[in-house]
Amino acid sequence: MALLPIITAPDPRLKQKSRPVGAVDAEMRQLLDDMLETMYAAPGIGLAAVQVGVPRRAIVVDISREDGPREPLFMINPEIVGVSDEDSSYEEGCLSLPDMFAEVERPASIRVRYLDRDGKRQELNADGILATCIQHEMDHLEGILFVDHISALKRNMILRKLLKAKRLQEEEAAG
């Protein structure tokens, strides 16, 4: 397994739509394993393939506690097939927007259909933080970031902070 570099905003690759995965083969499983290792190392609870420069419809999620057993979910070509009428709000962050957080409202529960790591069709009912995390990662597959769900004012503040941090990193690397 390998740690992959995580793309950070405002990289334009994060705004592109991901293509469906044709076959769940050894190469795809290796990508999923590398994504999972990268997510754990970051540390995070979800990661989409596009965040590591691969615009394919694949995500990994694990909301288990650090001190408990790991419970990774591998979702290939996920699609939401049902949502609850009620919404919930969570403070979301993103590995592609380091140290930035905002309250985002999403459906409180979802039903998602996907292929697992072995290419088998699965359906899952998710609620709470799991539902939020899956929706957040699936947004990445459409080129949508969590900041796209908040006011323009808050979004612009976050993006300006990210640009400033990126410039500082480049100056330090050059200097």
C-alpha atoms as a PDB file:
ATOM      1  CA  MET A   1       0.000   0.000   0.000  1.00  0.00           C
ATOM      2  CA  ALA A   2       1.078   3.561  -0.570  1.00  0.00           C
ATOM      3  CA  LEU A   3       0.242   7.004   0.746  1.00  0.00           C
ATOM      4  CA  LEU A   4      -1.129   9.178  -2.048  1.00  0.00           C
ATOM      5  CA  PRO A   5      -0.848  12.980  -2.266  1.00  0.00           C
ATOM      6  CA  ILE A   6      -4.162  14.694  -1.474  1.00  0.00           C
ATOM      7  CA  ILE A   7      -5.145  17.515  -3.830  1.00  0.00           C
ATOM      8  CA  THR A   8      -6.144  20.733  -2.043  1.00  0.00           C
ATOM      9  CA  ALA A   9      -8.473  23.514  -3.138  1.00  0.00           C
ATOM     10  CA  PRO A  10      -8.510  25.592  -5.233  1.00  0.00           C
ATOM     11  CA  ASP A  11      -7.057  22.907  -7.564  1.00  0.00           C
ATOM     12  CA  PRO A  12      -9.408  22.748 -10.614  1.00  0.00           C
ATOM     13  CA  ARG A  13      -9.299  18.926 -10.627  1.00  0.00           C
ATOM     14  CA  LEU A  14     -11.539  18.969  -7.548  1.00  0.00           C
ATOM     15  CA  LYS A  15     -14.289  20.620  -9.610  1.00  0.00           C
ATOM     16  CA  GLN A  16     -14.403  17.969 -12.342  1.00  0.00           C
ATOM     17  CA  LYS A  17     -16.997  15.208 -12.504  1.00  0.00           C
ATOM     18  CA  SER A  18     -15.671  11.702 -11.950  1.00  0.00           C
ATOM     19  CA  ARG A  19     -16.220   8.936 -14.494  1.00  0.00           C
ATOM     20  CA  PRO A  20     -17.855   5.609 -13.605  1.00  0.00           C
ATOM     21  CA  VAL A  21     -15.618   2.653 -12.803  1.00  0.00           C
ATOM     22  CA  GLY A  22     -15.936  -0.011 -15.516  1.00  0.00           C
ATOM     23  CA  ALA A  23     -14.521  -3.024 -13.701  1.00  0.00           C
ATOM     24  CA  VAL A  24     -13.582  -3.751 -10.121  1.00  0.00           C
ATOM     25  CA  ASP A  25     -10.193  -5.321 -10.839  1.00  0.00           C
ATOM     26  CA  ALA A  26      -6.875  -5.661  -8.985  1.00  0.00           C
ATOM     27  CA  GLU A  27      -5.864  -2.126 -10.022  1.00  0.00           C
ATOM     28  CA  MET A  28      -9.087  -0.653  -8.593  1.00  0.00           C
ATOM     29  CA  ARG A  29      -8.716  -2.633  -5.357  1.00  0.00           C
ATOM     30  CA  GLN A  30      -5.128  -1.359  -5.035  1.00  0.00           C
ATOM     31  CA  LEU A  31      -6.365   2.224  -5.494  1.00  0.00           C
ATOM     32  CA  LEU A  32      -9.041   1.664  -2.817  1.00  0.00           C
ATOM     33  CA  ASP A  33      -6.474   0.227  -0.392  1.00  0.00           C
ATOM     34  CA  ASP A  34      -4.095   3.136  -1.037  1.00  0.00           C
ATOM     35  CA  MET A  35      -6.959   5.612  -0.572  1.00  0.00           C
ATOM     36  CA  LEU A  36      -7.886   3.990   2.745  1.00  0.00           C
ATOM     37  CA  GLU A  37      -4.288   4.113   4.006  1.00  0.00           C
ATOM     38  CA  THR A  38      -4.035   7.764   2.877  1.00  0.00           C
ATOM     39  CA  MET A  39      -7.321   8.634   4.617  1.00  0.00           C
ATOM     40  CA  TYR A  40      -6.235   6.992   7.902  1.00  0.00           C
ATOM     41  CA  ALA A  41      -2.843   8.741   7.787  1.00  0.00           C
ATOM     42  CA  ALA A  42      -4.346  12.193   7.090  1.00  0.00           C
ATOM     43  CA  PRO A  43      -6.384  11.514   9.392  1.00  0.00           C
ATOM     44  CA  GLY A  44      -9.899  11.619   7.955  1.00  0.00           C
ATOM     45  CA  ILE A  45     -13.150   9.651   7.838  1.00  0.00           C
ATOM     46  CA  GLY A  46     -13.744   9.740   4.079  1.00  0.00           C
ATOM     47  CA  LEU A  47     -11.866  10.171   0.802  1.00  0.00           C
ATOM     48  CA  ALA A  48     -12.927  10.265  -2.843  1.00  0.00           C
ATOM     49  CA  ALA A  49     -10.657   9.045  -5.651  1.00  0.00           C
ATOM     50  CA  VAL A  50     -10.685  12.481  -7.285  1.00  0.00           C
ATOM     51  CA  GLN A  51      -9.027  13.895  -4.148  1.00  0.00           C
ATOM     52  CA  VAL A  52      -5.940  11.823  -4.984  1.00  0.00           C
ATOM     53  CA  GLY A  53      -6.010  12.783  -8.659  1.00  0.00           C
ATOM     54  CA  VAL A  54      -8.074   9.870  -9.991  1.00  0.00           C
ATOM     55  CA  PRO A  55     -11.399  11.145 -11.385  1.00  0.00           C
ATOM     56  CA  ARG A  56     -13.261   7.842 -10.960  1.00  0.00           C
ATOM     57  CA  ARG A  57     -16.463   7.206  -9.011  1.00  0.00           C
ATOM     58  CA  ALA A  58     -14.946   5.532  -5.932  1.00  0.00           C
ATOM     59  CA  ILE A  59     -14.943   6.527  -2.268  1.00  0.00           C
ATOM     60  CA  VAL A  60     -13.699   5.090   1.020  1.00  0.00           C
ATOM     61  CA  VAL A  61     -15.330   5.830   4.361  1.00  0.00           C
ATOM     62  CA  ASP A  62     -14.654   4.781   7.943  1.00  0.00           C
ATOM     63  CA  ILE A  63     -16.400   6.590  10.794  1.00  0.00           C
ATOM     64  CA  SER A  64     -15.224   4.158  13.495  1.00  0.00           C
ATOM     65  CA  ARG A  65     -13.484   5.585  16.541  1.00  0.00           C
ATOM     66  CA  GLU A  66      -9.703   5.635  16.621  1.00  0.00           C
ATOM     67  CA  ASP A  67      -9.636   3.386  19.687  1.00  0.00           C
ATOM     68  CA  GLY A  68     -12.071   0.832  18.228  1.00  0.00           C
ATOM     69  CA  PRO A  69     -11.912  -1.688  15.404  1.00  0.00           C
ATOM     70  CA  ARG A  70     -11.756  -0.217  11.899  1.00  0.00           C
ATOM     71  CA  GLU A  71     -14.873  -0.568   9.775  1.00  0.00           C
ATOM     72  CA  PRO A  72     -13.960   0.625   6.275  1.00  0.00           C
ATOM     73  CA  LEU A  73     -16.568   0.955   3.552  1.00  0.00           C
ATOM     74  CA  PHE A  74     -15.480   0.817  -0.080  1.00  0.00           C
ATOM     75  CA  MET A  75     -18.055   2.276  -2.459  1.00  0.00           C
ATOM     76  CA  ILE A  76     -17.674   2.098  -6.221  1.00  0.00           C
ATOM     77  CA  ASN A  77     -20.146   3.895  -8.493  1.00  0.00           C
ATOM     78  CA  PRO A  78     -22.311   4.851  -5.488  1.00  0.00           C
ATOM     79  CA  GLU A  79     -25.756   6.302  -6.084  1.00  0.00           C
ATOM     80  CA  ILE A  80     -28.276   7.605  -3.601  1.00  0.00           C
ATOM     81  CA  VAL A  81     -31.600   5.848  -4.171  1.00  0.00           C
ATOM     82  CA  GLY A  82     -33.513   7.344  -1.252  1.00  0.00           C
ATOM     83  CA  VAL A  83     -33.326  10.242   1.191  1.00  0.00           C
ATOM     84  CA  SER A  84     -35.236  11.127   4.349  1.00  0.00           C
ATOM     85  CA  ASP A  85     -37.579  14.094   4.517  1.00  0.00           C
ATOM     86  CA  GLU A  86     -35.762  15.431   7.558  1.00  0.00           C
ATOM     87  CA  ASP A  87     -32.384  17.156   7.413  1.00  0.00           C
ATOM     88  CA  SER A  88     -29.525  17.310   9.872  1.00  0.00           C
ATOM     89  CA  SER A  89     -26.644  19.700  10.206  1.00  0.00           C
ATOM     90  CA  TYR A  90     -23.004  18.806  10.917  1.00  0.00           C
ATOM     91  CA  GLU A  91     -19.827  20.812  11.030  1.00  0.00           C
ATOM     92  CA  GLU A  92     -17.943  19.390   8.064  1.00  0.00           C
ATOM     93  CA  GLY A  93     -14.293  19.524   7.176  1.00  0.00           C
ATOM     94  CA  CYS A  94     -12.402  18.128   4.205  1.00  0.00           C
ATOM     95  CA  LEU A  95      -8.923  16.776   3.577  1.00  0.00           C
ATOM     96  CA  SER A  96      -8.856  18.911   0.409  1.00  0.00           C
ATOM     97  CA  LEU A  97      -9.653  22.054   2.429  1.00  0.00           C
ATOM     98  CA  PRO A  98      -7.279  21.602   5.379  1.00  0.00           C
ATOM     99  CA  ASP A  99      -8.287  23.131   8.716  1.00  0.00           C
ATOM    100  CA  MET A 100     -11.500  24.641   7.276  1.00  0.00           C
ATOM    101  CA  PHE A 101     -14.914  23.788   8.736  1.00  0.00           C
ATOM    102  CA  ALA A 102     -18.524  24.875   8.212  1.00  0.00           C
ATOM    103  CA  GLU A 103     -22.030  23.766   9.172  1.00  0.00           C
ATOM    104  CA  VAL A 104     -23.675  21.944   6.256  1.00  0.00           C
ATOM    105  CA  GLU A 105     -27.277  20.748   6.132  1.00  0.00           C
ATOM    106  CA  ARG A 106     -28.008  17.467   4.342  1.00  0.00           C
ATOM    107  CA  PRO A 107     -30.678  14.742   4.442  1.00  0.00           C
ATOM    108  CA  ALA A 108     -30.504  13.014   7.849  1.00  0.00           C
ATOM    109  CA  SER A 109     -30.613   9.523   6.342  1.00  0.00           C
ATOM    110  CA  ILE A 110     -30.015   8.006   2.926  1.00  0.00           C
ATOM    111  CA  ARG A 111     -30.188   4.712   1.082  1.00  0.00           C
ATOM    112  CA  VAL A 112     -27.163   4.184  -1.158  1.00  0.00           C
ATOM    113  CA  ARG A 113     -26.522   1.534  -3.821  1.00  0.00           C
ATOM    114  CA  TYR A 114     -22.940   0.728  -4.803  1.00  0.00           C
ATOM    115  CA  LEU A 115     -20.416  -1.938  -5.742  1.00  0.00           C
ATOM    116  CA  ASP A 116     -18.188  -3.137  -2.902  1.00  0.00           C
ATOM    117  CA  ARG A 117     -14.449  -3.902  -3.032  1.00  0.00           C
ATOM    118  CA  ASP A 118     -15.246  -7.291  -4.625  1.00  0.00           C
ATOM    119  CA  GLY A 119     -17.553  -5.794  -7.276  1.00  0.00           C
ATOM    120  CA  LYS A 120     -20.716  -7.086  -5.581  1.00  0.00           C
ATOM    121  CA  ARG A 121     -23.822  -4.871  -5.638  1.00  0.00           C
ATOM    122  CA  GLN A 122     -24.756  -3.623  -2.161  1.00  0.00           C
ATOM    123  CA  GLU A 123     -27.378  -1.359  -0.622  1.00  0.00           C
ATOM    124  CA  LEU A 124     -26.949   0.440   2.659  1.00  0.00           C
ATOM    125  CA  ASN A 125     -29.225   2.525   4.849  1.00  0.00           C
ATOM    126  CA  ALA A 126     -27.153   5.196   6.558  1.00  0.00           C
ATOM    127  CA  ASP A 127     -27.988   7.932   9.038  1.00  0.00           C
ATOM    128  CA  GLY A 128     -26.152  10.349  11.294  1.00  0.00           C
ATOM    129  CA  ILE A 129     -22.491  11.018  10.605  1.00  0.00           C
ATOM    130  CA  LEU A 130     -22.261   8.044   8.214  1.00  0.00           C
ATOM    131  CA  ALA A 131     -24.981   9.511   5.972  1.00  0.00           C
ATOM    132  CA  THR A 132     -23.292  12.913   6.090  1.00  0.00           C
ATOM    133  CA  CYS A 133     -19.867  11.468   5.283  1.00  0.00           C
ATOM    134  CA  ILE A 134     -21.146   9.400   2.335  1.00  0.00           C
ATOM    135  CA  GLN A 135     -22.999  12.411   0.908  1.00  0.00           C
ATOM    136  CA  HIS A 136     -19.906  14.603   1.366  1.00  0.00           C
ATOM    137  CA  GLU A 137     -17.694  12.098  -0.478  1.00  0.00           C
ATOM    138  CA  MET A 138     -20.283  11.534  -3.204  1.00  0.00           C
ATOM    139  CA  ASP A 139     -20.387  15.301  -3.753  1.00  0.00           C
ATOM    140  CA  HIS A 140     -16.696  15.100  -4.667  1.00  0.00           C
ATOM    141  CA  LEU A 141     -17.649  12.731  -7.496  1.00  0.00           C
ATOM    142  CA  GLU A 142     -19.776  15.553  -8.949  1.00  0.00           C
ATOM    143  CA  GLY A 143     -17.085  18.212  -8.486  1.00  0.00           C
ATOM    144  CA  ILE A 144     -18.902  19.684  -5.474  1.00  0.00           C
ATOM    145  CA  LEU A 145     -17.071  20.736  -2.294  1.00  0.00           C
ATOM    146  CA  PHE A 146     -18.747  21.167   1.098  1.00  0.00           C
ATOM    147  CA  VAL A 147     -18.169  24.927   0.814  1.00  0.00           C
ATOM    148  CA  ASP A 148     -20.491  24.921  -2.221  1.00  0.00           C
ATOM    149  CA  HIS A 149     -23.333  24.266   0.264  1.00  0.00           C
ATOM    150  CA  ILE A 150     -22.688  27.390   2.363  1.00  0.00           C
ATOM    151  CA  SER A 151     -23.150  31.117   1.764  1.00  0.00           C
ATOM    152  CA  ALA A 152     -20.942  32.836  -0.802  1.00  0.00           C
ATOM    153  CA  LEU A 153     -19.526  35.077   1.910  1.00  0.00           C
ATOM    154  CA  LYS A 154     -18.385  32.158   4.108  1.00  0.00           C
ATOM    155  CA  ARG A 155     -17.161  30.200   1.061  1.00  0.00           C
ATOM    156  CA  ASN A 156     -15.054  33.127  -0.187  1.00  0.00           C
ATOM    157  CA  MET A 157     -13.530  33.615   3.287  1.00  0.00           C
ATOM    158  CA  ILE A 158     -12.493  29.948   3.391  1.00  0.00           C
ATOM    159  CA  LEU A 159     -11.103  29.980  -0.155  1.00  0.00           C
ATOM    160  CA  ARG A 160      -9.090  33.150   0.550  1.00  0.00           C
ATOM    161  CA  LYS A 161      -7.575  31.496   3.644  1.00  0.00           C
ATOM    162  CA  LEU A 162      -6.654  28.426   1.577  1.00  0.00           C
ATOM    163  CA  LEU A 163      -5.022  30.556  -1.140  1.00  0.00           C
ATOM    164  CA  LYS A 164      -3.020  32.457   1.470  1.00  0.00           C
ATOM    165  CA  ALA A 165      -1.871  29.198   3.132  1.00  0.00           C
ATOM    166  CA  LYS A 166      -0.888  27.771  -0.265  1.00  0.00           C
ATOM    167  CA  ARG A 167       1.142  30.907  -1.125  1.00  0.00           C
ATOM    168  CA  LEU A 168       2.939  30.708   2.232  1.00  0.00           C
ATOM    169  CA  GLN A 169       3.801  27.045   1.626  1.00  0.00           C
ATOM    170  CA  GLU A 170       5.168  27.852  -1.844  1.00  0.00           C
ATOM    171  CA  GLU A 171       7.244  30.733  -0.479  1.00  0.00           C
ATOM    172  CA  GLU A 172       8.675  28.523   2.285  1.00  0.00           C
ATOM    173  CA  ALA A 173       9.479  25.768  -0.222  1.00  0.00           C
ATOM    174  CA  ALA A 174      11.197  28.248  -2.560  1.00  0.00           C
ATOM    175  CA  GLY A 175      12.996  30.166   0.173  1.00  0.00           C
END
